[in-house]
Amino acid sequence: TLKTLSGDEIPRALFPLMYRFYENTCDKFGWWGSKYLTKRF
């Protein structure tokens, strides 16, 4: 099931989770993965 969440609807836990998804996607492309953003961001 797909859910669209915006603003205050978004649980805080989704932000560090989004970093993990971003990190995993970038890692798939190795050197070309363009992983520039930190978890803290």
ModelCIF file with pLDDT and N, C-alpha, C, O atoms, coordinates in Angstrom:
data_MODEL
#
_entry.id   MODEL 
#
_entity.id                         1 
_entity.type                       polymer 
_entity.pdbx_number_of_molecules   1 
#
_entity_poly.entity_id                      1 
_entity_poly.type                           'polypeptide(L)' 
_entity_poly.nstd_linkage                   no 
_entity_poly.nstd_monomer                   no 
_entity_poly.pdbx_seq_one_letter_code       TLKTLSGDEIPRALFPLMYRFYENTCDKFGWWGSKYLTKRF 
_entity_poly.pdbx_seq_one_letter_code_can   TLKTLSGDEIPRALFPLMYRFYENTCDKFGWWGSKYLTKRF 
_entity_poly.pdbx_strand_id                 A 
#
loop_
_entity_poly_seq.entity_id 
_entity_poly_seq.num 
_entity_poly_seq.mon_id 
_entity_poly_seq.hetero 
1 1  THR n 
1 2  LEU n 
1 3  LYS n 
1 4  THR n 
1 5  LEU n 
1 6  SER n 
1 7  GLY n 
1 8  ASP n 
1 9  GLU n 
1 10 ILE n 
1 11 PRO n 
1 12 ARG n 
1 13 ALA n 
1 14 LEU n 
1 15 PHE n 
1 16 PRO n 
1 17 LEU n 
1 18 MET n 
1 19 TYR n 
1 20 ARG n 
1 21 PHE n 
1 22 TYR n 
1 23 GLU n 
1 24 ASN n 
1 25 THR n 
1 26 CYS n 
1 27 ASP n 
1 28 LYS n 
1 29 PHE n 
1 30 GLY n 
1 31 TRP n 
1 32 TRP n 
1 33 GLY n 
1 34 SER n 
1 35 LYS n 
1 36 TYR n 
1 37 LEU n 
1 38 THR n 
1 39 LYS n 
1 40 ARG n 
1 41 PHE n 
#
_struct_asym.id          A 
_struct_asym.entity_id   1 
#
loop_
_ma_qa_metric.id 
_ma_qa_metric.mode 
_ma_qa_metric.name 
_ma_qa_metric.software_group_id 
_ma_qa_metric.type 
1 global pLDDT . pLDDT 
2 local  pLDDT . pLDDT 
#
_ma_qa_metric_global.metric_id      1 
_ma_qa_metric_global.metric_value   89.80 
_ma_qa_metric_global.model_id       1 
_ma_qa_metric_global.ordinal_id     1 
#
loop_
_ma_qa_metric_local.label_asym_id 
_ma_qa_metric_local.label_comp_id 
_ma_qa_metric_local.label_seq_id 
_ma_qa_metric_local.metric_id 
_ma_qa_metric_local.metric_value 
_ma_qa_metric_local.model_id 
_ma_qa_metric_local.ordinal_id 
A THR 1  2 95.00 1 1  
A LEU 2  2 96.00 1 2  
A LYS 3  2 96.00 1 3  
A THR 4  2 97.00 1 4  
A LEU 5  2 97.00 1 5  
A SER 6  2 97.00 1 6  
A GLY 7  2 97.00 1 7  
A ASP 8  2 96.00 1 8  
A GLU 9  2 95.00 1 9  
A ILE 10 2 96.00 1 10 
A PRO 11 2 95.00 1 11 
A ARG 12 2 96.00 1 12 
A ALA 13 2 96.00 1 13 
A LEU 14 2 97.00 1 14 
A PHE 15 2 97.00 1 15 
A PRO 16 2 97.00 1 16 
A LEU 17 2 97.00 1 17 
A MET 18 2 97.00 1 18 
A TYR 19 2 97.00 1 19 
A ARG 20 2 96.00 1 20 
A PHE 21 2 96.00 1 21 
A TYR 22 2 95.00 1 22 
A GLU 23 2 93.00 1 23 
A ASN 24 2 91.00 1 24 
A THR 25 2 90.00 1 25 
A CYS 26 2 88.00 1 26 
A ASP 27 2 86.00 1 27 
A LYS 28 2 81.00 1 28 
A PHE 29 2 70.00 1 29 
A GLY 30 2 61.00 1 30 
A TRP 31 2 55.00 1 31 
A TRP 32 2 54.00 1 32 
A GLY 33 2 53.00 1 33 
A SER 34 2 76.00 1 34 
A LYS 35 2 88.00 1 35 
A TYR 36 2 93.00 1 36 
A LEU 37 2 96.00 1 37 
A THR 38 2 96.00 1 38 
A LYS 39 2 97.00 1 39 
A ARG 40 2 98.00 1 40 
A PHE 41 2 98.00 1 41 
#
loop_
_atom_site.group_PDB 
_atom_site.id 
_atom_site.type_symbol 
_atom_site.label_atom_id 
_atom_site.label_alt_id 
_atom_site.label_comp_id 
_atom_site.label_asym_id 
_atom_site.label_entity_id 
_atom_site.label_seq_id 
_atom_site.pdbx_PDB_ins_code 
_atom_site.Cartn_x 
_atom_site.Cartn_y 
_atom_site.Cartn_z 
_atom_site.occupancy 
_atom_site.B_iso_or_equiv 
_atom_site.pdbx_formal_charge 
_atom_site.auth_seq_id 
_atom_site.auth_comp_id 
_atom_site.auth_asym_id 
_atom_site.auth_atom_id 
_atom_site.pdbx_PDB_model_num 
ATOM 1   N N  . THR A 1 1  ? 0.853  -1.183 0.000  1.00 95.00 ? 1  THR A N  1 
ATOM 2   C CA . THR A 1 1  ? 0.000  0.000  0.000  1.00 95.00 ? 1  THR A CA 1 
ATOM 3   C C  . THR A 1 1  ? 0.890  1.234  0.000  1.00 95.00 ? 1  THR A C  1 
ATOM 4   O O  . THR A 1 1  ? 1.846  1.308  0.772  1.00 95.00 ? 1  THR A O  1 
ATOM 5   N N  . LEU A 1 2  ? 0.584  2.206  -0.862 1.00 96.00 ? 2  LEU A N  1 
ATOM 6   C CA . LEU A 1 2  ? 1.373  3.434  -0.929 1.00 96.00 ? 2  LEU A CA 1 
ATOM 7   C C  . LEU A 1 2  ? 0.664  4.551  -0.171 1.00 96.00 ? 2  LEU A C  1 
ATOM 8   O O  . LEU A 1 2  ? -0.540 4.760  -0.320 1.00 96.00 ? 2  LEU A O  1 
ATOM 9   N N  . LYS A 1 3  ? 1.433  5.257  0.639  1.00 96.00 ? 3  LYS A N  1 
ATOM 10  C CA . LYS A 1 3  ? 0.902  6.393  1.387  1.00 96.00 ? 3  LYS A CA 1 
ATOM 11  C C  . LYS A 1 3  ? 1.752  7.623  1.112  1.00 96.00 ? 3  LYS A C  1 
ATOM 12  O O  . LYS A 1 3  ? 2.981  7.556  1.089  1.00 96.00 ? 3  LYS A O  1 
ATOM 13  N N  . THR A 1 4  ? 1.081  8.738  0.907  1.00 97.00 ? 4  THR A N  1 
ATOM 14  C CA . THR A 1 4  ? 1.760  10.013 0.703  1.00 97.00 ? 4  THR A CA 1 
ATOM 15  C C  . THR A 1 4  ? 1.640  10.830 1.986  1.00 97.00 ? 4  THR A C  1 
ATOM 16  O O  . THR A 1 4  ? 0.539  11.117 2.456  1.00 97.00 ? 4  THR A O  1 
ATOM 17  N N  . LEU A 1 5  ? 2.791  11.197 2.542  1.00 97.00 ? 5  LEU A N  1 
ATOM 18  C CA . LEU A 1 5  ? 2.833  11.900 3.824  1.00 97.00 ? 5  LEU A CA 1 
ATOM 19  C C  . LEU A 1 5  ? 3.563  13.219 3.638  1.00 97.00 ? 5  LEU A C  1 
ATOM 20  O O  . LEU A 1 5  ? 4.605  13.270 2.985  1.00 97.00 ? 5  LEU A O  1 
ATOM 21  N N  . SER A 1 6  ? 3.019  14.280 4.207  1.00 97.00 ? 6  SER A N  1 
ATOM 22  C CA . SER A 1 6  ? 3.657  15.587 4.068  1.00 97.00 ? 6  SER A CA 1 
ATOM 23  C C  . SER A 1 6  ? 3.640  16.326 5.395  1.00 97.00 ? 6  SER A C  1 
ATOM 24  O O  . SER A 1 6  ? 2.761  16.114 6.230  1.00 97.00 ? 6  SER A O  1 
ATOM 25  N N  . GLY A 1 7  ? 4.640  17.207 5.578  1.00 97.00 ? 7  GLY A N  1 
ATOM 26  C CA . GLY A 1 7  ? 4.675  18.083 6.736  1.00 97.00 ? 7  GLY A CA 1 
ATOM 27  C C  . GLY A 1 7  ? 4.564  17.353 8.060  1.00 97.00 ? 7  GLY A C  1 
ATOM 28  O O  . GLY A 1 7  ? 5.307  16.408 8.324  1.00 97.00 ? 7  GLY A O  1 
ATOM 29  N N  . ASP A 1 8  ? 3.639  17.792 8.883  1.00 96.00 ? 8  ASP A N  1 
ATOM 30  C CA . ASP A 1 8  ? 3.482  17.230 10.223 1.00 96.00 ? 8  ASP A CA 1 
ATOM 31  C C  . ASP A 1 8  ? 2.919  15.814 10.219 1.00 96.00 ? 8  ASP A C  1 
ATOM 32  O O  . ASP A 1 8  ? 2.901  15.158 11.261 1.00 96.00 ? 8  ASP A O  1 
ATOM 33  N N  . GLU A 1 9  ? 2.459  15.329 9.063  1.00 95.00 ? 9  GLU A N  1 
ATOM 34  C CA . GLU A 1 9  ? 1.990  13.940 8.982  1.00 95.00 ? 9  GLU A CA 1 
ATOM 35  C C  . GLU A 1 9  ? 3.149  12.948 9.048  1.00 95.00 ? 9  GLU A C  1 
ATOM 36  O O  . GLU A 1 9  ? 2.934  11.769 9.326  1.00 95.00 ? 9  GLU A O  1 
ATOM 37  N N  . ILE A 1 10 ? 4.364  13.406 8.798  1.00 96.00 ? 10 ILE A N  1 
ATOM 38  C CA . ILE A 1 10 ? 5.502  12.499 8.648  1.00 96.00 ? 10 ILE A CA 1 
ATOM 39  C C  . ILE A 1 10 ? 6.068  12.132 10.017 1.00 96.00 ? 10 ILE A C  1 
ATOM 40  O O  . ILE A 1 10 ? 6.471  13.022 10.765 1.00 96.00 ? 10 ILE A O  1 
ATOM 41  N N  . PRO A 1 11 ? 6.110  10.849 10.362 1.00 95.00 ? 11 PRO A N  1 
ATOM 42  C CA . PRO A 1 11 ? 6.756  10.445 11.619 1.00 95.00 ? 11 PRO A CA 1 
ATOM 43  C C  . PRO A 1 11 ? 8.243  10.790 11.587 1.00 95.00 ? 11 PRO A C  1 
ATOM 44  O O  . PRO A 1 11 ? 8.894  10.686 10.547 1.00 95.00 ? 11 PRO A O  1 
ATOM 45  N N  . ARG A 1 12 ? 8.765  11.198 12.731 1.00 96.00 ? 12 ARG A N  1 
ATOM 46  C CA . ARG A 1 12 ? 10.183 11.578 12.805 1.00 96.00 ? 12 ARG A CA 1 
ATOM 47  C C  . ARG A 1 12 ? 11.099 10.445 12.343 1.00 96.00 ? 12 ARG A C  1 
ATOM 48  O O  . ARG A 1 12 ? 12.148 10.690 11.748 1.00 96.00 ? 12 ARG A O  1 
ATOM 49  N N  . ALA A 1 13 ? 10.696 9.203  12.622 1.00 96.00 ? 13 ALA A N  1 
ATOM 50  C CA . ALA A 1 13 ? 11.547 8.048  12.301 1.00 96.00 ? 13 ALA A CA 1 
ATOM 51  C C  . ALA A 1 13 ? 11.793 7.890  10.804 1.00 96.00 ? 13 ALA A C  1 
ATOM 52  O O  . ALA A 1 13 ? 12.754 7.227  10.412 1.00 96.00 ? 13 ALA A O  1 
ATOM 53  N N  . LEU A 1 14 ? 10.948 8.484  9.955  1.00 97.00 ? 14 LEU A N  1 
ATOM 54  C CA . LEU A 1 14 ? 11.120 8.322  8.524  1.00 97.00 ? 14 LEU A CA 1 
ATOM 55  C C  . LEU A 1 14 ? 12.319 9.108  7.978  1.00 97.00 ? 14 LEU A C  1 
ATOM 56  O O  . LEU A 1 14 ? 12.835 8.782  6.909  1.00 97.00 ? 14 LEU A O  1 
ATOM 57  N N  . PHE A 1 15 ? 12.759 10.130 8.696  1.00 97.00 ? 15 PHE A N  1 
ATOM 58  C CA . PHE A 1 15 ? 13.874 10.939 8.181  1.00 97.00 ? 15 PHE A CA 1 
ATOM 59  C C  . PHE A 1 15 ? 15.206 10.185 8.229  1.00 97.00 ? 15 PHE A C  1 
ATOM 60  O O  . PHE A 1 15 ? 15.890 10.130 7.207  1.00 97.00 ? 15 PHE A O  1 
ATOM 61  N N  . PRO A 1 16 ? 15.608 9.603  9.362  1.00 97.00 ? 16 PRO A N  1 
ATOM 62  C CA . PRO A 1 16 ? 16.822 8.771  9.313  1.00 97.00 ? 16 PRO A CA 1 
ATOM 63  C C  . PRO A 1 16 ? 16.655 7.534  8.437  1.00 97.00 ? 16 PRO A C  1 
ATOM 64  O O  . PRO A 1 16 ? 17.626 7.055  7.851  1.00 97.00 ? 16 PRO A O  1 
ATOM 65  N N  . LEU A 1 17 ? 15.430 7.013  8.344  1.00 97.00 ? 17 LEU A N  1 
ATOM 66  C CA . LEU A 1 17 ? 15.203 5.879  7.453  1.00 97.00 ? 17 LEU A CA 1 
ATOM 67  C C  . LEU A 1 17 ? 15.406 6.292  5.998  1.00 97.00 ? 17 LEU A C  1 
ATOM 68  O O  . LEU A 1 17 ? 15.939 5.523  5.198  1.00 97.00 ? 17 LEU A O  1 
ATOM 69  N N  . MET A 1 18 ? 14.979 7.512  5.656  1.00 97.00 ? 18 MET A N  1 
ATOM 70  C CA . MET A 1 18 ? 15.184 7.990  4.288  1.00 97.00 ? 18 MET A CA 1 
ATOM 71  C C  . MET A 1 18 ? 16.668 8.068  3.973  1.00 97.00 ? 18 MET A C  1 
ATOM 72  O O  . MET A 1 18 ? 17.068 7.807  2.838  1.00 97.00 ? 18 MET A O  1 
ATOM 73  N N  . TYR A 1 19 ? 17.495 8.422  4.956  1.00 97.00 ? 19 TYR A N  1 
ATOM 74  C CA . TYR A 1 19 ? 18.941 8.418  4.720  1.00 97.00 ? 19 TYR A CA 1 
ATOM 75  C C  . TYR A 1 19 ? 19.422 7.007  4.381  1.00 97.00 ? 19 TYR A C  1 
ATOM 76  O O  . TYR A 1 19 ? 20.243 6.837  3.480  1.00 97.00 ? 19 TYR A O  1 
ATOM 77  N N  . ARG A 1 20 ? 18.923 5.998  5.090  1.00 96.00 ? 20 ARG A N  1 
ATOM 78  C CA . ARG A 1 20 ? 19.365 4.627  4.815  1.00 96.00 ? 20 ARG A CA 1 
ATOM 79  C C  . ARG A 1 20 ? 18.951 4.195  3.413  1.00 96.00 ? 20 ARG A C  1 
ATOM 80  O O  . ARG A 1 20 ? 19.719 3.540  2.708  1.00 96.00 ? 20 ARG A O  1 
ATOM 81  N N  . PHE A 1 21 ? 17.737 4.561  3.011  1.00 96.00 ? 21 PHE A N  1 
ATOM 82  C CA . PHE A 1 21 ? 17.314 4.251  1.644  1.00 96.00 ? 21 PHE A CA 1 
ATOM 83  C C  . PHE A 1 21 ? 18.207 4.968  0.628  1.00 96.00 ? 21 PHE A C  1 
ATOM 84  O O  . PHE A 1 21 ? 18.647 4.367  -0.352 1.00 96.00 ? 21 PHE A O  1 
ATOM 85  N N  . TYR A 1 22 ? 18.468 6.241  0.865  1.00 95.00 ? 22 TYR A N  1 
ATOM 86  C CA . TYR A 1 22 ? 19.343 7.034  0.000  1.00 95.00 ? 22 TYR A CA 1 
ATOM 87  C C  . TYR A 1 22 ? 20.734 6.432  -0.070 1.00 95.00 ? 22 TYR A C  1 
ATOM 88  O O  . TYR A 1 22 ? 21.316 6.327  -1.150 1.00 95.00 ? 22 TYR A O  1 
ATOM 89  N N  . GLU A 1 23 ? 21.267 6.038  1.070  1.00 93.00 ? 23 GLU A N  1 
ATOM 90  C CA . GLU A 1 23 ? 22.589 5.439  1.131  1.00 93.00 ? 23 GLU A CA 1 
ATOM 91  C C  . GLU A 1 23 ? 22.634 4.132  0.353  1.00 93.00 ? 23 GLU A C  1 
ATOM 92  O O  . GLU A 1 23 ? 23.580 3.883  -0.395 1.00 93.00 ? 23 GLU A O  1 
ATOM 93  N N  . ASN A 1 24 ? 21.615 3.297  0.527  1.00 91.00 ? 24 ASN A N  1 
ATOM 94  C CA . ASN A 1 24 ? 21.576 2.014  -0.179 1.00 91.00 ? 24 ASN A CA 1 
ATOM 95  C C  . ASN A 1 24 ? 21.514 2.206  -1.690 1.00 91.00 ? 24 ASN A C  1 
ATOM 96  O O  . ASN A 1 24 ? 22.197 1.510  -2.442 1.00 91.00 ? 24 ASN A O  1 
ATOM 97  N N  . THR A 1 25 ? 20.692 3.155  -2.127 1.00 90.00 ? 25 THR A N  1 
ATOM 98  C CA . THR A 1 25 ? 20.573 3.407  -3.561 1.00 90.00 ? 25 THR A CA 1 
ATOM 99  C C  . THR A 1 25 ? 21.898 3.894  -4.130 1.00 90.00 ? 25 THR A C  1 
ATOM 100 O O  . THR A 1 25 ? 22.326 3.430  -5.187 1.00 90.00 ? 25 THR A O  1 
ATOM 101 N N  . CYS A 1 26 ? 22.548 4.821  -3.443 1.00 88.00 ? 26 CYS A N  1 
ATOM 102 C CA . CYS A 1 26 ? 23.836 5.339  -3.914 1.00 88.00 ? 26 CYS A CA 1 
ATOM 103 C C  . CYS A 1 26 ? 24.892 4.239  -3.951 1.00 88.00 ? 26 CYS A C  1 
ATOM 104 O O  . CYS A 1 26 ? 25.688 4.172  -4.888 1.00 88.00 ? 26 CYS A O  1 
ATOM 105 N N  . ASP A 1 27 ? 24.901 3.375  -2.932 1.00 86.00 ? 27 ASP A N  1 
ATOM 106 C CA . ASP A 1 27 ? 25.915 2.321  -2.854 1.00 86.00 ? 27 ASP A CA 1 
ATOM 107 C C  . ASP A 1 27 ? 25.801 1.334  -4.010 1.00 86.00 ? 27 ASP A C  1 
ATOM 108 O O  . ASP A 1 27 ? 26.794 0.723  -4.405 1.00 86.00 ? 27 ASP A O  1 
ATOM 109 N N  . LYS A 1 28 ? 24.604 1.176  -4.552 1.00 81.00 ? 28 LYS A N  1 
ATOM 110 C CA . LYS A 1 28 ? 24.431 0.248  -5.671 1.00 81.00 ? 28 LYS A CA 1 
ATOM 111 C C  . LYS A 1 28 ? 25.233 0.668  -6.901 1.00 81.00 ? 28 LYS A C  1 
ATOM 112 O O  . LYS A 1 28 ? 25.591 -0.160 -7.738 1.00 81.00 ? 28 LYS A O  1 
ATOM 113 N N  . PHE A 1 29 ? 25.507 1.976  -6.994 1.00 70.00 ? 29 PHE A N  1 
ATOM 114 C CA . PHE A 1 29 ? 26.197 2.484  -8.169 1.00 70.00 ? 29 PHE A CA 1 
ATOM 115 C C  . PHE A 1 29 ? 27.686 2.705  -7.928 1.00 70.00 ? 29 PHE A C  1 
ATOM 116 O O  . PHE A 1 29 ? 28.385 3.246  -8.785 1.00 70.00 ? 29 PHE A O  1 
ATOM 117 N N  . GLY A 1 30 ? 28.169 2.285  -6.760 1.00 61.00 ? 30 GLY A N  1 
ATOM 118 C CA . GLY A 1 30 ? 29.592 2.359  -6.483 1.00 61.00 ? 30 GLY A CA 1 
ATOM 119 C C  . GLY A 1 30 ? 30.125 3.775  -6.586 1.00 61.00 ? 30 GLY A C  1 
ATOM 120 O O  . GLY A 1 30 ? 29.577 4.706  -5.995 1.00 61.00 ? 30 GLY A O  1 
ATOM 121 N N  . TRP A 1 31 ? 31.216 3.927  -7.354 1.00 55.00 ? 31 TRP A N  1 
ATOM 122 C CA . TRP A 1 31 ? 31.873 5.223  -7.491 1.00 55.00 ? 31 TRP A CA 1 
ATOM 123 C C  . TRP A 1 31 ? 30.922 6.290  -8.036 1.00 55.00 ? 31 TRP A C  1 
ATOM 124 O O  . TRP A 1 31 ? 31.053 7.470  -7.713 1.00 55.00 ? 31 TRP A O  1 
ATOM 125 N N  . TRP A 1 32 ? 29.957 5.861  -8.873 1.00 54.00 ? 32 TRP A N  1 
ATOM 126 C CA . TRP A 1 32 ? 29.045 6.809  -9.511 1.00 54.00 ? 32 TRP A CA 1 
ATOM 127 C C  . TRP A 1 32 ? 27.788 7.027  -8.679 1.00 54.00 ? 32 TRP A C  1 
ATOM 128 O O  . TRP A 1 32 ? 26.822 7.609  -9.170 1.00 54.00 ? 32 TRP A O  1 
ATOM 129 N N  . GLY A 1 33 ? 27.783 6.578  -7.448 1.00 53.00 ? 33 GLY A N  1 
ATOM 130 C CA . GLY A 1 33 ? 26.569 6.634  -6.644 1.00 53.00 ? 33 GLY A CA 1 
ATOM 131 C C  . GLY A 1 33 ? 26.173 8.006  -6.168 1.00 53.00 ? 33 GLY A C  1 
ATOM 132 O O  . GLY A 1 33 ? 25.027 8.200  -5.761 1.00 53.00 ? 33 GLY A O  1 
ATOM 133 N N  . SER A 1 34 ? 27.076 8.971  -6.201 1.00 76.00 ? 34 SER A N  1 
ATOM 134 C CA . SER A 1 34 ? 26.752 10.363 -5.854 1.00 76.00 ? 34 SER A CA 1 
ATOM 135 C C  . SER A 1 34 ? 26.163 10.496 -4.462 1.00 76.00 ? 34 SER A C  1 
ATOM 136 O O  . SER A 1 34 ? 25.148 11.166 -4.269 1.00 76.00 ? 34 SER A O  1 
ATOM 137 N N  . LYS A 1 35 ? 26.806 9.854  -3.492 1.00 88.00 ? 35 LYS A N  1 
ATOM 138 C CA . LYS A 1 35 ? 26.323 9.968  -2.101 1.00 88.00 ? 35 LYS A CA 1 
ATOM 139 C C  . LYS A 1 35 ? 26.988 11.181 -1.467 1.00 88.00 ? 35 LYS A C  1 
ATOM 140 O O  . LYS A 1 35 ? 28.127 11.103 -1.006 1.00 88.00 ? 35 LYS A O  1 
ATOM 141 N N  . TYR A 1 36 ? 26.283 12.283 -1.445 1.00 93.00 ? 36 TYR A N  1 
ATOM 142 C CA . TYR A 1 36 ? 26.834 13.546 -0.971 1.00 93.00 ? 36 TYR A CA 1 
ATOM 143 C C  . TYR A 1 36 ? 26.267 13.985 0.374  1.00 93.00 ? 36 TYR A C  1 
ATOM 144 O O  . TYR A 1 36 ? 26.927 14.721 1.107  1.00 93.00 ? 36 TYR A O  1 
ATOM 145 N N  . LEU A 1 37 ? 25.078 13.555 0.704  1.00 96.00 ? 37 LEU A N  1 
ATOM 146 C CA . LEU A 1 37 ? 24.394 14.050 1.898  1.00 96.00 ? 37 LEU A CA 1 
ATOM 147 C C  . LEU A 1 37 ? 24.661 13.150 3.096  1.00 96.00 ? 37 LEU A C  1 
ATOM 148 O O  . LEU A 1 37 ? 24.785 11.933 2.958  1.00 96.00 ? 37 LEU A O  1 
ATOM 149 N N  . THR A 1 38 ? 24.748 13.759 4.270  1.00 96.00 ? 38 THR A N  1 
ATOM 150 C CA . THR A 1 38 ? 25.009 13.016 5.497  1.00 96.00 ? 38 THR A CA 1 
ATOM 151 C C  . THR A 1 38 ? 23.701 12.609 6.168  1.00 96.00 ? 38 THR A C  1 
ATOM 152 O O  . THR A 1 38 ? 22.629 13.131 5.860  1.00 96.00 ? 38 THR A O  1 
ATOM 153 N N  . LYS A 1 39 ? 23.824 11.671 7.086  1.00 97.00 ? 39 LYS A N  1 
ATOM 154 C CA . LYS A 1 39 ? 22.650 11.271 7.869  1.00 97.00 ? 39 LYS A CA 1 
ATOM 155 C C  . LYS A 1 39 ? 22.091 12.454 8.645  1.00 97.00 ? 39 LYS A C  1 
ATOM 156 O O  . LYS A 1 39 ? 20.877 12.611 8.777  1.00 97.00 ? 39 LYS A O  1 
ATOM 157 N N  . ARG A 1 40 ? 22.997 13.286 9.158  1.00 98.00 ? 40 ARG A N  1 
ATOM 158 C CA . ARG A 1 40 ? 22.556 14.447 9.929  1.00 98.00 ? 40 ARG A CA 1 
ATOM 159 C C  . ARG A 1 40 ? 21.691 15.379 9.088  1.00 98.00 ? 40 ARG A C  1 
ATOM 160 O O  . ARG A 1 40 ? 20.757 15.992 9.606  1.00 98.00 ? 40 ARG A O  1 
ATOM 161 N N  . PHE A 1 41 ? 21.993 15.492 7.786  1.00 98.00 ? 41 PHE A N  1 
ATOM 162 C CA . PHE A 1 41 ? 21.172 16.329 6.913  1.00 98.00 ? 41 PHE A CA 1 
ATOM 163 C C  . PHE A 1 41 ? 19.716 15.883 6.946  1.00 98.00 ? 41 PHE A C  1 
ATOM 164 O O  . PHE A 1 41 ? 18.874 16.474 6.270  1.00 98.00 ? 41 PHE A O  1 
#
